[in-house]
Each structure stands twice: as structure tokens, then as C-alpha cells.
Amino acid sequence: MKKFENKEAALASQNFDPSAVVITGVPEHHLEAVKGFINLCVGHDAVNPEFNPDYTNYDQYKYEAIHDMGSPSGAGFSYVVYDIRGAGSGVGARLVSEDSEAAEHIAEIFHEDYKAMKVYDRSAIDKIQK
């Protein structure tokens, strides 16, 4: 696991500039979620550079940051870590870490990206479309 002072340092370690990403063909109300997901993928690579999850290995633990959603507006959005034992997964290899410390570190420095990706208010679509 590698630790970083902040999100920007983690992304820079991967030579990634989020402002250079161009996304087309996605509804406007999903753009921030897509950007958040991309940042999280790159952030997981930075923090877990040697970890390659093997879903055929039932003995390898895989950790994901799980969030308590609170209200739909994101108030109370907080995180908890849990581990998955076995080949099954609710997330997939991109957003798992080698240990709980790595998952917690990513959840802390990429908090806003997780929030952008996970918190969604469908009633806001009506406001955008009007």
C-alpha cells in the first residue's frame, strides 16, 4: 500500500490529470458520477500498486469502502470498511484494496468522488430538463 497526502498527489503519481478527461454521450446529470468513478479507478491503482485481486482465490481477502448513505442529499454520508472472503463480489476488481487500511485511506482522500458516484437524487433530473 502507498499512502498519499491527498487525492491530487495520488492521481499525479499515476500521471493522471482529471481535467484532461473528455466525456461525451453521457447525460449531464451523470457526468460527475462518471468523473468520480474514473478518479477512484486511478486512485485504487495508486494506493494498491502491487495488488491484483484474484477472484478464484477464496483465501485472498478483498476490501471495499462501503458507505452509509444517510439522506439522499448526502448528509451523513460516511464510510465503513468490510471484507469479502471468496470469489463472489458486489463490486469488482477495480474498487477493491489489499487491506482495510488501504480501503480506508482511499475512502478518506477520495471522499468527494465516492459521494459523486454514489449519491444520486433522481428528482434533480426534472430540474435539469425544465
Protein backbone atom coordinates (compact mmCIF):
# COMPACT_ATOMS: atom_id res chain seq x y z
CA MET A 1 0.00 0.00 0.00
CA LYS A 2 1.15 3.51 -0.77
CA LYS A 3 -0.12 6.50 1.23
CA PHE A 4 -0.66 9.94 -0.21
CA GLU A 5 -1.20 13.31 1.41
CA ASN A 6 -4.25 13.97 -0.75
CA LYS A 7 -6.18 12.95 -3.84
CA GLU A 8 -4.16 15.21 -6.13
CA ALA A 9 -0.87 13.55 -5.09
CA ALA A 10 -2.34 10.08 -5.67
CA LEU A 11 -3.59 11.00 -9.15
CA ALA A 12 -0.32 12.75 -10.05
CA SER A 13 1.61 9.59 -9.09
CA GLN A 14 -0.21 7.88 -11.96
CA ASN A 15 0.43 10.77 -14.39
CA PHE A 16 -3.30 11.41 -14.45
CA ASP A 17 -4.85 14.83 -14.93
CA PRO A 18 -8.61 14.69 -14.29
CA SER A 19 -9.13 17.99 -16.08
CA ALA A 20 -7.88 16.39 -19.31
CA VAL A 21 -10.68 13.79 -19.35
CA VAL A 22 -13.28 14.37 -22.05
CA ILE A 23 -16.57 12.54 -21.63
CA THR A 24 -19.21 12.56 -24.34
CA GLY A 25 -22.51 10.80 -24.82
CA VAL A 26 -23.37 10.74 -21.10
CA PRO A 27 -26.40 12.60 -19.74
CA GLU A 28 -25.28 15.76 -17.97
CA HIS A 29 -26.69 14.65 -14.61
CA HIS A 30 -24.37 11.60 -14.65
CA LEU A 31 -21.12 13.38 -15.61
CA GLU A 32 -19.87 13.96 -12.05
CA ALA A 33 -20.54 10.30 -11.16
CA VAL A 34 -18.53 9.15 -14.20
CA LYS A 35 -15.66 11.51 -13.33
CA GLY A 36 -15.73 10.28 -9.73
CA PHE A 37 -15.56 6.65 -10.88
CA ILE A 38 -12.57 7.37 -13.14
CA ASN A 39 -10.76 9.13 -10.28
CA LEU A 40 -11.48 6.18 -7.98
CA CYS A 41 -10.12 3.67 -10.50
CA VAL A 42 -6.88 5.64 -10.84
CA GLY A 43 -6.74 6.20 -7.06
CA HIS A 44 -7.01 2.48 -6.38
CA ASP A 45 -4.13 1.86 -8.78
CA ALA A 46 -2.03 4.45 -6.93
CA VAL A 47 -2.73 3.14 -3.43
CA ASN A 48 -2.66 -0.58 -4.35
CA PRO A 49 0.14 -0.72 -6.97
CA GLU A 50 1.05 -4.38 -6.38
CA PHE A 51 -2.39 -5.78 -5.56
CA ASN A 52 -4.10 -7.86 -8.21
CA PRO A 53 -7.36 -9.29 -6.90
CA ASP A 54 -7.83 -12.96 -7.75
CA TYR A 55 -11.49 -13.94 -7.60
CA THR A 56 -10.59 -17.60 -7.99
CA ASN A 57 -8.62 -17.46 -4.71
CA TYR A 58 -11.08 -17.94 -1.85
CA ASP A 59 -8.35 -17.26 0.70
CA GLN A 60 -7.46 -13.79 -0.61
CA TYR A 61 -9.28 -11.01 1.22
CA LYS A 62 -10.53 -8.02 -0.77
CA TYR A 63 -11.59 -4.79 0.92
CA GLU A 64 -14.02 -2.19 -0.33
CA ALA A 65 -15.09 1.11 1.18
CA ILE A 66 -18.78 0.80 1.99
CA HIS A 67 -20.75 3.95 2.71
CA ASP A 68 -23.71 4.69 4.92
CA MET A 69 -25.73 6.84 2.59
CA GLY A 70 -27.62 8.93 5.14
CA SER A 71 -30.12 11.16 3.40
CA PRO A 72 -30.42 11.39 -0.41
CA SER A 73 -28.77 14.80 -0.23
CA GLY A 74 -25.61 13.17 1.07
CA ALA A 75 -25.89 14.50 4.62
CA GLY A 76 -24.43 11.90 6.92
CA PHE A 77 -22.52 10.25 4.07
CA SER A 78 -19.90 8.24 5.92
CA TYR A 79 -17.86 5.16 5.31
CA VAL A 80 -17.32 1.76 6.89
CA VAL A 81 -14.96 -0.99 5.73
CA TYR A 82 -15.87 -4.63 5.31
CA ASP A 83 -14.07 -7.55 3.75
CA ILE A 84 -15.22 -10.11 1.24
CA ARG A 85 -13.97 -13.64 1.53
CA GLY A 86 -14.36 -15.78 -1.52
CA ALA A 87 -14.79 -15.40 -5.23
CA GLY A 88 -18.10 -13.55 -5.16
CA SER A 89 -18.13 -9.78 -5.25
CA GLY A 90 -20.62 -6.96 -5.13
CA VAL A 91 -18.18 -4.56 -6.77
CA GLY A 92 -15.49 -5.96 -8.97
CA ALA A 93 -11.73 -5.79 -9.04
CA ARG A 94 -11.35 -2.09 -9.85
CA LEU A 95 -12.54 -0.79 -6.49
CA VAL A 96 -11.13 -3.31 -4.01
CA SER A 97 -8.00 -3.00 -1.91
CA GLU A 98 -5.46 -5.36 -0.42
CA ASP A 99 -6.27 -4.47 3.20
CA SER A 100 -8.63 -2.39 5.30
CA GLU A 101 -6.01 0.35 5.80
CA ALA A 102 -5.76 0.89 2.03
CA ALA A 103 -9.56 0.93 1.64
CA GLU A 104 -9.85 3.44 4.49
CA HIS A 105 -7.11 5.66 3.03
CA ILE A 106 -8.85 5.75 -0.36
CA ALA A 107 -12.20 6.48 1.31
CA GLU A 108 -10.65 9.42 3.14
CA ILE A 109 -8.78 11.11 0.29
CA PHE A 110 -11.40 10.31 -2.38
CA HIS A 111 -14.45 11.03 -0.22
CA GLU A 112 -15.95 13.52 -2.67
CA ASP A 113 -15.50 11.14 -5.61
CA TYR A 114 -17.29 8.35 -3.76
CA LYS A 115 -20.05 10.79 -2.89
CA ALA A 116 -20.36 11.98 -6.52
CA MET A 117 -20.52 8.39 -7.71
CA LYS A 118 -22.92 7.02 -5.08
CA VAL A 119 -25.26 9.84 -4.04
CA TYR A 120 -27.95 10.49 -6.64
CA ASP A 121 -31.17 12.43 -6.47
CA ARG A 122 -33.38 11.48 -9.41
CA SER A 123 -35.74 14.37 -8.69
CA ALA A 124 -32.90 16.68 -9.78
CA ILE A 125 -33.36 15.43 -13.36
CA ASP A 126 -36.67 17.25 -13.61
CA LYS A 127 -34.95 20.50 -12.63
CA ILE A 128 -32.23 19.98 -15.27
CA GLN A 129 -34.70 19.07 -18.04
CA LYS A 130 -37.01 22.04 -17.41
